[in-house]
PDB file of N, CA and C in Angstrom:
ATOM      1  N   MET A   1    -157.709  89.895  47.062  1.00  0.00           N
ATOM      2  CA  MET A   1    -157.692  89.737  48.490  1.00  0.00           C
ATOM      3  C   MET A   1    -156.650  90.111  48.778  1.00  0.00           C
ATOM      4  N   LYS A   2    -156.347  91.330  50.001  1.00  0.00           N
ATOM      5  CA  LYS A   2    -154.712  91.501  49.946  1.00  0.00           C
ATOM      6  C   LYS A   2    -154.724  91.428  51.480  1.00  0.00           C
ATOM      7  N   ILE A   3    -154.223  90.135  52.085  1.00  0.00           N
ATOM      8  CA  ILE A   3    -154.602  90.111  53.973  1.00  0.00           C
ATOM      9  C   ILE A   3    -153.061  91.010  53.701  1.00  0.00           C
ATOM     10  N   LYS A   4    -153.149  90.957  55.726  1.00  0.00           N
ATOM     11  CA  LYS A   4    -152.370  92.438  56.105  1.00  0.00           C
ATOM     12  C   LYS A   4    -151.056  91.977  56.926  1.00  0.00           C
ATOM     13  N   THR A   5    -150.649  91.875  55.989  1.00  0.00           N
ATOM     14  CA  THR A   5    -149.754  91.191  56.896  1.00  0.00           C
ATOM     15  C   THR A   5    -148.826  90.905  57.911  1.00  0.00           C
ATOM     16  N   ALA A   6    -149.049  92.453  58.199  1.00  0.00           N
ATOM     17  CA  ALA A   6    -148.321  92.184  59.527  1.00  0.00           C
ATOM     18  C   ALA A   6    -149.117  92.812  60.832  1.00  0.00           C
ATOM     19  N   ASP A   7    -150.005  92.362  60.662  1.00  0.00           N
ATOM     20  CA  ASP A   7    -151.618  92.395  61.191  1.00  0.00           C
ATOM     21  C   ASP A   7    -151.645  91.241  61.146  1.00  0.00           C
ATOM     22  N   LEU A   8    -151.645  90.236  60.571  1.00  0.00           N
ATOM     23  CA  LEU A   8    -151.480  88.250  60.795  1.00  0.00           C
ATOM     24  C   LEU A   8    -150.349  87.935  61.464  1.00  0.00           C
ATOM     25  N   PHE A   9    -149.093  88.792  61.117  1.00  0.00           N
ATOM     26  CA  PHE A   9    -147.607  88.206  61.593  1.00  0.00           C
ATOM     27  C   PHE A   9    -147.615  88.525  63.165  1.00  0.00           C
ATOM     28  N   PHE A  10    -148.825  89.979  63.740  1.00  0.00           N
ATOM     29  CA  PHE A  10    -148.525  89.903  65.669  1.00  0.00           C
ATOM     30  C   PHE A  10    -149.897  89.435  65.763  1.00  0.00           C
ATOM     31  N   GLU A  11    -150.940  88.556  65.373  1.00  0.00           N
ATOM     32  CA  GLU A  11    -151.269  87.900  65.907  1.00  0.00           C
ATOM     33  C   GLU A  11    -151.229  86.463  65.937  1.00  0.00           C
ATOM     34  N   ILE A  12    -150.565  85.973  65.300  1.00  0.00           N
ATOM     35  CA  ILE A  12    -149.992  84.334  64.986  1.00  0.00           C
ATOM     36  C   ILE A  12    -148.850  84.475  66.130  1.00  0.00           C
ATOM     37  N   VAL A  13    -148.083  85.728  66.472  1.00  0.00           N
ATOM     38  CA  VAL A  13    -147.227  85.771  66.954  1.00  0.00           C
ATOM     39  C   VAL A  13    -147.874  85.925  68.709  1.00  0.00           C
ATOM     40  N   VAL A  14    -148.365  86.311  69.389  1.00  0.00           N
ATOM     41  CA  VAL A  14    -149.171  86.636  70.643  1.00  0.00           C
ATOM     42  C   VAL A  14    -149.963  84.939  70.825  1.00  0.00           C
ATOM     43  N   TYR A  15    -150.759  84.659  70.278  1.00  0.00           N
ATOM     44  CA  TYR A  15    -151.003  82.960  69.820  1.00  0.00           C
ATOM     45  C   TYR A  15    -150.125  82.150  70.216  1.00  0.00           C
ATOM     46  N   LEU A  16    -149.066  82.602  69.301  1.00  0.00           N
ATOM     47  CA  LEU A  16    -148.008  81.554  69.264  1.00  0.00           C
ATOM     48  C   LEU A  16    -147.911  81.370  71.372  1.00  0.00           C
ATOM     49  N   PHE A  17    -147.545  82.687  71.604  1.00  0.00           N
ATOM     50  CA  PHE A  17    -146.767  83.347  73.041  1.00  0.00           C
ATOM     51  C   PHE A  17    -147.466  82.592  73.942  1.00  0.00           C
ATOM     52  N   CYS A  18    -149.452  82.065  73.452  1.00  0.00           N
ATOM     53  CA  CYS A  18    -150.312  81.677  74.416  1.00  0.00           C
ATOM     54  C   CYS A  18    -149.639  80.246  74.351  1.00  0.00           C
ATOM     55  N   ILE A  19    -149.424  79.564  73.483  1.00  0.00           N
ATOM     56  CA  ILE A  19    -148.897  78.625  73.359  1.00  0.00           C
ATOM     57  C   ILE A  19    -148.160  78.075  73.828  1.00  0.00           C
ATOM     58  N   LEU A  20    -147.118  79.122  73.727  1.00  0.00           N
ATOM     59  CA  LEU A  20    -145.389  78.362  74.252  1.00  0.00           C
ATOM     60  C   LEU A  20    -146.175  78.259  75.857  1.00  0.00           C
ATOM     61  N   LEU A  21    -146.215  79.636  76.220  1.00  0.00           N
ATOM     62  CA  LEU A  21    -146.632  79.292  77.615  1.00  0.00           C
ATOM     63  C   LEU A  21    -146.622  77.933  78.338  1.00  0.00           C
ATOM     64  N   VAL A  22    -148.119  77.906  77.678  1.00  0.00           N
ATOM     65  CA  VAL A  22    -148.465  76.407  78.397  1.00  0.00           C
ATOM     66  C   VAL A  22    -147.756  75.428  77.942  1.00  0.00           C
ATOM     67  N   ALA A  23    -147.359  75.297  77.276  1.00  0.00           N
ATOM     68  CA  ALA A  23    -145.911  74.419  77.561  1.00  0.00           C
ATOM     69  C   ALA A  23    -144.617  74.594  77.648  1.00  0.00           C
ATOM     70  N   PHE A  24    -144.667  75.182  78.482  1.00  0.00           N
ATOM     71  CA  PHE A  24    -143.020  75.583  79.501  1.00  0.00           C
ATOM     72  C   PHE A  24    -143.321  75.697  81.306  1.00  0.00           C
ATOM     73  N   PHE A  25    -144.457  76.879  81.214  1.00  0.00           N
ATOM     74  CA  PHE A  25    -145.359  76.855  82.557  1.00  0.00           C
ATOM     75  C   PHE A  25    -146.380  75.923  83.140  1.00  0.00           C
ATOM     76  N   TRP A  26    -147.163  75.219  82.127  1.00  0.00           N
ATOM     77  CA  TRP A  26    -148.251  74.539  83.275  1.00  0.00           C
ATOM     78  C   TRP A  26    -147.972  74.178  83.972  1.00  0.00           C
ATOM     79  N   ARG A  27    -147.153  73.726  85.466  1.00  0.00           N
ATOM     80  CA  ARG A  27    -146.640  73.306  85.682  1.00  0.00           C
ATOM     81  C   ARG A  27    -146.175  74.411  87.598  1.00  0.00           C
ATOM     82  N   ASN A  28    -146.466  76.239  86.413  1.00  0.00           N
ATOM     83  CA  ASN A  28    -146.403  77.392  87.175  1.00  0.00           C
ATOM     84  C   ASN A  28    -147.313  77.798  87.033  1.00  0.00           C
ATOM     85  N   SER A  29    -148.629  77.797  88.033  1.00  0.00           N
ATOM     86  CA  SER A  29    -149.630  78.050  88.116  1.00  0.00           C
ATOM     87  C   SER A  29    -149.179  79.575  87.955  1.00  0.00           C
ATOM     88  N   PHE A  30    -148.453  80.488  88.820  1.00  0.00           N
ATOM     89  CA  PHE A  30    -148.178  82.225  88.936  1.00  0.00           C
ATOM     90  C   PHE A  30    -147.592  82.457  87.371  1.00  0.00           C
ATOM     91  N   VAL A  31    -146.934  81.554  87.350  1.00  0.00           N
ATOM     92  CA  VAL A  31    -145.522  82.553  86.307  1.00  0.00           C
ATOM     93  C   VAL A  31    -147.317  82.149  84.531  1.00  0.00           C
ATOM     94  N   LEU A  32    -147.781  81.522  84.946  1.00  0.00           N
ATOM     95  CA  LEU A  32    -148.508  81.073  83.604  1.00  0.00           C
ATOM     96  C   LEU A  32    -150.086  81.904  82.938  1.00  0.00           C
ATOM     97  N   THR A  33    -150.053  82.015  84.493  1.00  0.00           N
ATOM     98  CA  THR A  33    -151.422  83.024  84.566  1.00  0.00           C
ATOM     99  C   THR A  33    -150.339  84.022  83.948  1.00  0.00           C
ATOM    100  N   THR A  34    -149.977  84.953  84.547  1.00  0.00           N
ATOM    101  CA  THR A  34    -148.998  86.929  84.530  1.00  0.00           C
ATOM    102  C   THR A  34    -148.732  86.563  83.246  1.00  0.00           C
ATOM    103  N   GLY A  35    -148.668  85.064  83.157  1.00  0.00           N
ATOM    104  CA  GLY A  35    -147.865  85.624  81.227  1.00  0.00           C
ATOM    105  C   GLY A  35    -148.887  85.622  80.638  1.00  0.00           C
ATOM    106  N   VAL A  36    -150.120  84.944  80.596  1.00  0.00           N
ATOM    107  CA  VAL A  36    -150.865  85.551  80.283  1.00  0.00           C
ATOM    108  C   VAL A  36    -152.467  86.288  79.952  1.00  0.00           C
ATOM    109  N   LEU A  37    -152.035  86.678  81.524  1.00  0.00           N
ATOM    110  CA  LEU A  37    -153.243  87.663  81.694  1.00  0.00           C
ATOM    111  C   LEU A  37    -151.774  89.136  81.411  1.00  0.00           C
ATOM    112  N   ILE A  38    -150.105  89.188  80.793  1.00  0.00           N
ATOM    113  CA  ILE A  38    -149.530  89.669  80.053  1.00  0.00           C
ATOM    114  C   ILE A  38    -150.612  89.759  78.922  1.00  0.00           C
ATOM    115  N   ALA A  39    -150.744  88.356  77.881  1.00  0.00           N
ATOM    116  CA  ALA A  39    -150.635  88.432  76.578  1.00  0.00           C
ATOM    117  C   ALA A  39    -152.329  89.452  76.216  1.00  0.00           C
ATOM    118  N   SER A  40    -153.434  88.983  77.327  1.00  0.00           N
ATOM    119  CA  SER A  40    -154.588  89.344  77.523  1.00  0.00           C
ATOM    120  C   SER A  40    -154.522  90.896  76.705  1.00  0.00           C
ATOM    121  N   ALA A  41    -153.096  91.249  78.184  1.00  0.00           N
ATOM    122  CA  ALA A  41    -153.563  93.329  78.555  1.00  0.00           C
ATOM    123  C   ALA A  41    -152.513  93.840  76.283  1.00  0.00           C
ATOM    124  N   ILE A  42    -151.882  93.210  76.202  1.00  0.00           N
ATOM    125  CA  ILE A  42    -151.044  93.002  75.115  1.00  0.00           C
ATOM    126  C   ILE A  42    -152.821  93.533  74.204  1.00  0.00           C
ATOM    127  N   ILE A  43    -153.701  92.457  74.113  1.00  0.00           N
ATOM    128  CA  ILE A  43    -155.149  91.952  73.124  1.00  0.00           C
ATOM    129  C   ILE A  43    -155.818  93.494  73.337  1.00  0.00           C
ATOM    130  N   PHE A  44    -155.445  94.134  74.641  1.00  0.00           N
ATOM    131  CA  PHE A  44    -157.018  94.866  74.913  1.00  0.00           C
ATOM    132  C   PHE A  44    -156.354  96.242  74.895  1.00  0.00           C
ATOM    133  N   ILE A  45    -154.869  96.142  74.858  1.00  0.00           N
ATOM    134  CA  ILE A  45    -154.296  97.667  73.733  1.00  0.00           C
ATOM    135  C   ILE A  45    -154.143  97.309  72.186  1.00  0.00           C
ATOM    136  N   LYS A  46    -154.092  96.330  71.973  1.00  0.00           N
ATOM    137  CA  LYS A  46    -154.069  97.110  70.722  1.00  0.00           C
ATOM    138  C   LYS A  46    -155.224  97.077  69.760  1.00  0.00           C
ATOM    139  N   TRP A  47    -156.714  96.387  70.274  1.00  0.00           N
ATOM    140  CA  TRP A  47    -158.282  95.580  70.158  1.00  0.00           C
ATOM    141  C   TRP A  47    -158.794  96.504  71.023  1.00  0.00           C
ATOM    142  N   HIS A  48    -160.023  96.990  71.191  1.00  0.00           N
ATOM    143  CA  HIS A  48    -160.373  98.122  72.009  1.00  0.00           C
ATOM    144  C   HIS A  48    -161.461  98.084  72.103  1.00  0.00           C
ATOM    145  N   ARG A  49    -162.210  97.665  71.256  1.00  0.00           N
ATOM    146  CA  ARG A  49    -163.479  98.111  70.357  1.00  0.00           C
ATOM    147  C   ARG A  49    -164.615  96.970  70.825  1.00  0.00           C
ATOM    148  N   LYS A  50    -166.197  97.570  71.484  1.00  0.00           N
ATOM    149  CA  LYS A  50    -166.686  96.400  72.233  1.00  0.00           C
ATOM    150  C   LYS A  50    -166.226  95.339  71.820  1.00  0.00           C
ATOM    151  N   LYS A  51    -166.939  94.985  70.498  1.00  0.00           N
ATOM    152  CA  LYS A  51    -167.000  93.728  69.575  1.00  0.00           C
ATOM    153  C   LYS A  51    -165.731  93.108  70.027  1.00  0.00           C
ATOM    154  N   ASP A  52    -164.622  93.493  70.844  1.00  0.00           N
ATOM    155  CA  ASP A  52    -163.048  93.338  70.861  1.00  0.00           C
ATOM    156  C   ASP A  52    -163.258  92.577  72.131  1.00  0.00           C
ATOM    157  N   PHE A  53    -164.296  92.936  72.497  1.00  0.00           N
ATOM    158  CA  PHE A  53    -163.897  92.578  74.534  1.00  0.00           C
ATOM    159  C   PHE A  53    -165.183  91.784  74.787  1.00  0.00           C
ATOM    160  N   ILE A  54    -166.255  91.531  73.772  1.00  0.00           N
ATOM    161  CA  ILE A  54    -167.804  91.002  73.567  1.00  0.00           C
ATOM    162  C   ILE A  54    -166.523  89.330  73.421  1.00  0.00           C
ATOM    163  N   TYR A  55    -165.532  89.116  72.593  1.00  0.00           N
ATOM    164  CA  TYR A  55    -165.117  87.900  71.112  1.00  0.00           C
ATOM    165  C   TYR A  55    -164.440  87.055  72.872  1.00  0.00           C
ATOM    166  N   TYR A  56    -163.546  88.228  73.613  1.00  0.00           N
ATOM    167  CA  TYR A  56    -162.641  88.572  74.360  1.00  0.00           C
ATOM    168  C   TYR A  56    -163.450  87.340  75.317  1.00  0.00           C
ATOM    169  N   PHE A  57    -164.918  87.440  76.559  1.00  0.00           N
ATOM    170  CA  PHE A  57    -165.580  87.619  77.112  1.00  0.00           C
ATOM    171  C   PHE A  57    -166.253  86.667  76.967  1.00  0.00           C
ATOM    172  N   VAL A  58    -166.332  85.636  75.841  1.00  0.00           N
ATOM    173  CA  VAL A  58    -167.907  85.213  75.702  1.00  0.00           C
ATOM    174  C   VAL A  58    -166.179  83.401  75.425  1.00  0.00           C
ATOM    175  N   ALA A  59    -165.099  84.034  74.778  1.00  0.00           N
ATOM    176  CA  ALA A  59    -164.541  82.650  75.274  1.00  0.00           C
ATOM    177  C   ALA A  59    -163.854  81.934  76.596  1.00  0.00           C
ATOM    178  N   PHE A  60    -163.765  83.403  77.023  1.00  0.00           N
ATOM    179  CA  PHE A  60    -163.444  83.335  78.636  1.00  0.00           C
ATOM    180  C   PHE A  60    -164.376  82.681  79.111  1.00  0.00           C
ATOM    181  N   PHE A  61    -165.756  82.669  79.258  1.00  0.00           N
ATOM    182  CA  PHE A  61    -166.527  82.272  79.701  1.00  0.00           C
ATOM    183  C   PHE A  61    -167.160  80.801  79.453  1.00  0.00           C
ATOM    184  N   LEU A  62    -167.296  80.537  78.441  1.00  0.00           N
ATOM    185  CA  LEU A  62    -167.775  79.777  77.491  1.00  0.00           C
ATOM    186  C   LEU A  62    -166.885  78.304  77.569  1.00  0.00           C
ATOM    187  N   GLY A  63    -165.511  79.116  77.216  1.00  0.00           N
ATOM    188  CA  GLY A  63    -164.506  78.249  77.076  1.00  0.00           C
ATOM    189  C   GLY A  63    -164.433  76.503  78.563  1.00  0.00           C
ATOM    190  N   PRO A  64    -164.131  78.029  79.434  1.00  0.00           N
ATOM    191  CA  PRO A  64    -163.912  76.966  81.349  1.00  0.00           C
ATOM    192  C   PRO A  64    -165.064  76.476  81.131  1.00  0.00           C
ATOM    193  N   ILE A  65    -166.694  76.799  81.078  1.00  0.00           N
ATOM    194  CA  ILE A  65    -167.940  76.166  81.229  1.00  0.00           C
ATOM    195  C   ILE A  65    -167.928  75.032  80.719  1.00  0.00           C
ATOM    196  N   GLY A  66    -167.204  74.960  79.127  1.00  0.00           N
ATOM    197  CA  GLY A  66    -166.968  73.180  79.226  1.00  0.00           C
ATOM    198  C   GLY A  66    -166.175  73.304  78.944  1.00  0.00           C
ATOM    199  N   GLU A  67    -165.613  73.377  79.962  1.00  0.00           N
ATOM    200  CA  GLU A  67    -164.321  72.015  80.728  1.00  0.00           C
ATOM    201  C   GLU A  67    -164.281  71.879  81.860  1.00  0.00           C
ATOM    202  N   VAL A  68    -165.258  72.567  82.489  1.00  0.00           N
ATOM    203  CA  VAL A  68    -164.841  72.387  84.155  1.00  0.00           C
ATOM    204  C   VAL A  68    -166.743  70.724  83.275  1.00  0.00           C
ATOM    205  N   ILE A  69    -167.242  71.330  81.954  1.00  0.00           N
ATOM    206  CA  ILE A  69    -168.329  69.934  82.309  1.00  0.00           C
ATOM    207  C   ILE A  69    -168.299  68.613  81.783  1.00  0.00           C
ATOM    208  N   ALA A  70    -166.355  68.803  80.706  1.00  0.00           N
ATOM    209  CA  ALA A  70    -166.088  67.531  80.851  1.00  0.00           C
ATOM    210  C   ALA A  70    -165.097  67.080  81.375  1.00  0.00           C
ATOM    211  N   ILE A  71    -164.543  68.117  82.768  1.00  0.00           N
ATOM    212  CA  ILE A  71    -163.558  67.697  83.911  1.00  0.00           C
ATOM    213  C   ILE A  71    -164.484  66.970  85.036  1.00  0.00           C
ATOM    214  N   TYR A  72    -166.268  67.307  85.298  1.00  0.00           N
ATOM    215  CA  TYR A  72    -166.745  66.589  86.382  1.00  0.00           C
ATOM    216  C   TYR A  72    -167.568  65.415  85.606  1.00  0.00           C
ATOM    217  N   PHE A  73    -167.286  65.253  84.330  1.00  0.00           N
ATOM    218  CA  PHE A  73    -167.654  63.526  83.882  1.00  0.00           C
ATOM    219  C   PHE A  73    -166.692  62.696  83.806  1.00  0.00           C
ATOM    220  N   GLY A  74    -165.265  63.253  84.158  1.00  0.00           N
ATOM    221  CA  GLY A  74    -164.152  62.725  83.711  1.00  0.00           C
ATOM    222  C   GLY A  74    -163.108  62.503  83.103  1.00  0.00           C
ATOM    223  N   ALA A  75    -163.404  63.301  81.945  1.00  0.00           N
ATOM    224  CA  ALA A  75    -162.990  63.289  81.004  1.00  0.00           C
ATOM    225  C   ALA A  75    -161.433  63.483  80.355  1.00  0.00           C
ATOM    226  N   TRP A  76    -160.765  64.544  81.604  1.00  0.00           N
ATOM    227  CA  TRP A  76    -159.621  64.731  81.617  1.00  0.00           C
ATOM    228  C   TRP A  76    -159.604  65.757  83.598  1.00  0.00           C
ATOM    229  N   GLN A  77    -158.653  65.828  83.837  1.00  0.00           N
ATOM    230  CA  GLN A  77    -158.139  66.857  84.708  1.00  0.00           C
ATOM    231  C   GLN A  77    -156.971  67.871  84.639  1.00  0.00           C
ATOM    232  N   TYR A  78    -156.891  68.588  85.520  1.00  0.00           N
ATOM    233  CA  TYR A  78    -155.453  69.614  85.878  1.00  0.00           C
ATOM    234  C   TYR A  78    -154.783  69.468  87.514  1.00  0.00           C
ATOM    235  N   ILE A  79    -153.543  69.724  86.989  1.00  0.00           N
ATOM    236  CA  ILE A  79    -152.901  69.650  88.104  1.00  0.00           C
ATOM    237  C   ILE A  79    -153.294  70.546  88.763  1.00  0.00           C
ATOM    238  N   LYS A  80    -153.593  71.096  90.225  1.00  0.00           N
ATOM    239  CA  LYS A  80    -153.126  72.597  90.774  1.00  0.00           C
ATOM    240  C   LYS A  80    -154.988  73.397  90.168  1.00  0.00           C
ATOM    241  N   PRO A  81    -155.675  72.910  89.997  1.00  0.00           N
ATOM    242  CA  PRO A  81    -156.709  73.337  90.102  1.00  0.00           C
ATOM    243  C   PRO A  81    -157.515  74.035  90.839  1.00  0.00           C
ATOM    244  N   LEU A  82    -158.257  75.406  90.628  1.00  0.00           N
ATOM    245  CA  LEU A  82    -158.787  76.116  91.492  1.00  0.00           C
ATOM    246  C   LEU A  82    -160.491  75.599  91.591  1.00  0.00           C
ATOM    247  N   TYR A  83    -161.246  75.497  90.535  1.00  0.00           N
ATOM    248  CA  TYR A  83    -162.282  74.456  91.072  1.00  0.00           C
ATOM    249  C   TYR A  83    -162.456  73.663  89.859  1.00  0.00           C
ATOM    250  N   LEU A  84    -161.663  72.375  89.822  1.00  0.00           N
ATOM    251  CA  LEU A  84    -161.815  71.658  88.151  1.00  0.00           C
ATOM    252  C   LEU A  84    -160.711  72.125  87.163  1.00  0.00           C
ATOM    253  N   ILE A  85    -160.717  73.614  87.016  1.00  0.00           N
ATOM    254  CA  ILE A  85    -159.400  74.444  86.257  1.00  0.00           C
ATOM    255  C   ILE A  85    -159.220  74.565  86.879  1.00  0.00           C
ATOM    256  N   PRO A  86    -157.678  75.357  86.572  1.00  0.00           N
ATOM    257  CA  PRO A  86    -156.430  76.013  86.430  1.00  0.00           C
ATOM    258  C   PRO A  86    -157.398  77.764  86.433  1.00  0.00           C
ATOM    259  N   VAL A  87    -156.377  78.480  86.792  1.00  0.00           N
ATOM    260  CA  VAL A  87    -156.893  79.970  87.146  1.00  0.00           C
ATOM    261  C   VAL A  87    -156.331  80.786  85.936  1.00  0.00           C
ATOM    262  N   TRP A  88    -155.341  80.226  85.707  1.00  0.00           N
ATOM    263  CA  TRP A  88    -155.096  80.174  84.628  1.00  0.00           C
ATOM    264  C   TRP A  88    -156.563  80.537  83.131  1.00  0.00           C
ATOM    265  N   LEU A  89    -157.056  78.971  83.761  1.00  0.00           N
ATOM    266  CA  LEU A  89    -157.337  78.851  81.972  1.00  0.00           C
ATOM    267  C   LEU A  89    -158.414  79.884  81.175  1.00  0.00           C
ATOM    268  N   PRO A  90    -159.340  80.242  82.281  1.00  0.00           N
ATOM    269  CA  PRO A  90    -160.505  81.322  81.451  1.00  0.00           C
ATOM    270  C   PRO A  90    -159.840  82.013  80.929  1.00  0.00           C
ATOM    271  N   PHE A  91    -158.520  83.261  81.212  1.00  0.00           N
ATOM    272  CA  PHE A  91    -157.440  83.646  80.607  1.00  0.00           C
ATOM    273  C   PHE A  91    -157.216  83.498  79.354  1.00  0.00           C
ATOM    274  N   LEU A  92    -156.959  82.076  79.319  1.00  0.00           N
ATOM    275  CA  LEU A  92    -156.049  81.721  77.618  1.00  0.00           C
ATOM    276  C   LEU A  92    -157.417  81.798  76.877  1.00  0.00           C
ATOM    277  N   TRP A  93    -158.311  80.946  77.203  1.00  0.00           N
ATOM    278  CA  TRP A  93    -159.849  81.040  76.823  1.00  0.00           C
ATOM    279  C   TRP A  93    -160.259  81.926  76.893  1.00  0.00           C
ATOM    280  N   GLY A  94    -159.973  83.325  76.609  1.00  0.00           N
ATOM    281  CA  GLY A  94    -160.490  84.854  76.506  1.00  0.00           C
ATOM    282  C   GLY A  94    -158.973  85.015  75.582  1.00  0.00           C
ATOM    283  N   ALA A  95    -158.042  85.155  75.317  1.00  0.00           N
ATOM    284  CA  ALA A  95    -156.785  85.092  74.338  1.00  0.00           C
ATOM    285  C   ALA A  95    -157.095  83.794  73.474  1.00  0.00           C
ATOM    286  N   ALA A  96    -157.420  83.048  73.470  1.00  0.00           N
ATOM    287  CA  ALA A  96    -156.811  82.289  72.231  1.00  0.00           C
ATOM    288  C   ALA A  96    -158.196  82.397  71.429  1.00  0.00           C
ATOM    289  N   GLY A  97    -159.544  82.566  72.047  1.00  0.00           N
ATOM    290  CA  GLY A  97    -160.835  82.421  71.512  1.00  0.00           C
ATOM    291  C   GLY A  97    -160.258  83.689  70.547  1.00  0.00           C
ATOM    292  N   PHE A  98    -160.217  85.144  70.923  1.00  0.00           N
ATOM    293  CA  PHE A  98    -160.147  86.066  70.957  1.00  0.00           C
ATOM    294  C   PHE A  98    -158.618  86.471  68.985  1.00  0.00           C
ATOM    295  N   LEU A  99    -158.137  85.909  69.907  1.00  0.00           N
ATOM    296  CA  LEU A  99    -156.518  85.277  68.531  1.00  0.00           C
ATOM    297  C   LEU A  99    -156.968  84.708  67.276  1.00  0.00           C
ATOM    298  N   LEU A 100    -158.104  84.009  67.709  1.00  0.00           N
ATOM    299  CA  LEU A 100    -158.371  82.895  66.337  1.00  0.00           C
ATOM    300  C   LEU A 100    -159.622  83.794  65.328  1.00  0.00           C
ATOM    301  N   VAL A 101    -160.893  84.686  65.721  1.00  0.00           N
ATOM    302  CA  VAL A 101    -161.249  85.798  65.729  1.00  0.00           C
ATOM    303  C   VAL A 101    -160.665  86.278  65.107  1.00  0.00           C
ATOM    304  N   LYS A 102    -158.989  87.108  65.310  1.00  0.00           N
ATOM    305  CA  LYS A 102    -158.974  87.960  64.878  1.00  0.00           C
ATOM    306  C   LYS A 102    -158.085  87.582  63.628  1.00  0.00           C
ATOM    307  N   ILE A 103    -157.375  86.284  63.704  1.00  0.00           N
ATOM    308  CA  ILE A 103    -156.770  86.099  62.362  1.00  0.00           C
ATOM    309  C   ILE A 103    -157.302  86.029  61.299  1.00  0.00           C
ATOM    310  N   SER A 104    -158.945  85.286  61.890  1.00  0.00           N
ATOM    311  CA  SER A 104    -159.631  84.976  60.098  1.00  0.00           C
ATOM    312  C   SER A 104    -160.314  85.695  60.081  1.00  0.00           C
ATOM    313  N   GLU A 105    -160.911  86.719  60.555  1.00  0.00           N
ATOM    314  CA  GLU A 105    -160.706  87.931  60.080  1.00  0.00           C
ATOM    315  C   GLU A 105    -159.711  88.337  59.243  1.00  0.00           C
ATOM    316  N   THR A 106    -158.941  88.846  59.367  1.00  0.00           N
ATOM    317  CA  THR A 106    -157.272  89.045  58.665  1.00  0.00           C
ATOM    318  C   THR A 106    -157.161  88.296  57.665  1.00  0.00           C
ATOM    319  N   LEU A 107    -156.679  87.038  57.312  1.00  0.00           N
ATOM    320  CA  LEU A 107    -157.213  86.035  56.338  1.00  0.00           C
ATOM    321  C   LEU A 107    -158.606  86.141  55.670  1.00  0.00           C
ATOM    322  N   SER A 108    -159.527  86.379  56.067  1.00  0.00           N
ATOM    323  CA  SER A 108    -160.988  86.790  54.944  1.00  0.00           C
ATOM    324  C   SER A 108    -161.026  88.033  54.766  1.00  0.00           C
ATOM    325  N   SER A 109    -159.757  89.192  55.068  1.00  0.00           N
ATOM    326  CA  SER A 109    -160.004  90.791  54.642  1.00  0.00           C
ATOM    327  C   SER A 109    -159.567  90.775  53.469  1.00  0.00           C
ATOM    328  N   GLU A 110    -160.534  92.062  52.384  1.00  0.00           N
ATOM    329  CA  GLU A 110    -160.444  91.997  51.760  1.00  0.00           C
ATOM    330  C   GLU A 110    -159.497  93.473  51.370  1.00  0.00           C
TER     331      GLU A 110
END
């Protein structure tokens, strides 16, 4: 098995960028939303096959749906939500879900 080191490095860097955005800018929705949109743009510039868009948008929709349900029943809450969730959250779910798939594919490639 030969792992594509450059691909794995790039994928992990973009993933960590998203995590650091949340860690440092969770109080500023505008900056966080802009940063996650930039990360999403980078994702779509590098990967733009039909299945890549499907991976992203499945996570984009299903992740926040689960969060809205959990928030509705009192599991947690966000500051400055648009409707129970902040505006940046679907984009973060899309990016994180997509990148986890890409990292898994890279690690399992032969």
